Amino acid sequence: MLNHADNYPGGEAPSNASDIAARCRDAGRSRFAWAAFTGTAGIVLAAAVAIGFRRRTG
């Protein structure tokens, strides 16, 4: 089981392993939120440009 492996370098888990895991989860959530926001903004911008282009060319 890859996600539940107990293979820390040196054999012992760091004393703050749960803090490290929490920071990793928070960073992942933050990056996902920014990616979703950026993707949505890109779609809105592309739609606005396409609408503007269609109106300009008649």
Protein backbone atom coordinates (compact mmCIF):
# COMPACT_ATOMS: atom_id res chain seq x y z
CA MET A 1 0.00 0.00 0.00
CA LEU A 2 1.81 3.03 -1.26
CA ASN A 3 -0.16 5.67 0.64
CA HIS A 4 0.15 3.92 4.00
CA ALA A 5 3.79 2.89 3.73
CA ASP A 6 5.99 3.17 6.79
CA ASN A 7 9.30 3.74 5.06
CA TYR A 8 10.77 6.91 6.53
CA PRO A 9 14.45 7.54 5.84
CA GLY A 10 16.37 6.42 8.90
CA GLY A 11 13.52 4.18 10.04
CA GLU A 12 11.81 6.57 12.43
CA ALA A 13 8.99 8.95 11.61
CA PRO A 14 9.74 12.61 12.26
CA SER A 15 8.31 13.95 15.48
CA ASN A 16 6.11 16.40 13.58
CA ALA A 17 4.90 13.99 10.87
CA SER A 18 1.24 14.92 11.38
CA ASP A 19 2.10 18.64 11.06
CA ILE A 20 4.01 17.97 7.84
CA ALA A 21 1.10 15.97 6.44
CA ALA A 22 -1.37 18.73 7.36
CA ARG A 23 0.78 21.36 5.65
CA CYS A 24 1.00 19.18 2.53
CA ARG A 25 -2.77 18.75 2.44
CA ASP A 26 -3.30 22.51 2.90
CA ALA A 27 -0.82 23.28 0.13
CA GLY A 28 -2.56 20.82 -2.19
CA ARG A 29 -5.97 22.32 -1.50
CA SER A 30 -4.63 25.83 -2.06
CA ARG A 31 -3.00 24.88 -5.35
CA PHE A 32 -6.16 23.13 -6.53
CA ALA A 33 -8.24 26.20 -5.68
CA TRP A 34 -5.88 28.49 -7.61
CA ALA A 35 -5.89 26.09 -10.57
CA ALA A 36 -9.69 25.99 -10.59
CA PHE A 37 -9.87 29.79 -10.38
CA THR A 38 -7.31 30.24 -13.16
CA GLY A 39 -9.06 27.73 -15.41
CA THR A 40 -12.43 29.37 -14.88
CA ALA A 41 -10.97 32.82 -15.55
CA GLY A 42 -9.38 31.50 -18.75
CA ILE A 43 -12.67 30.10 -19.98
CA VAL A 44 -14.50 33.36 -19.21
CA LEU A 45 -11.80 35.39 -20.95
CA ALA A 46 -11.85 33.12 -24.02
CA ALA A 47 -15.64 33.40 -24.22
CA ALA A 48 -15.48 37.19 -23.96
CA VAL A 49 -12.86 37.39 -26.70
CA ALA A 50 -14.87 35.06 -28.94
CA ILE A 51 -18.04 37.10 -28.42
CA GLY A 52 -16.19 40.33 -29.10
CA PHE A 53 -14.62 38.87 -32.24
CA ARG A 54 -18.00 37.67 -33.55
CA ARG A 55 -19.57 41.09 -32.97
CA ARG A 56 -16.68 42.83 -34.69
CA THR A 57 -16.77 40.63 -37.79
CA GLY A 58 -20.54 40.86 -38.00
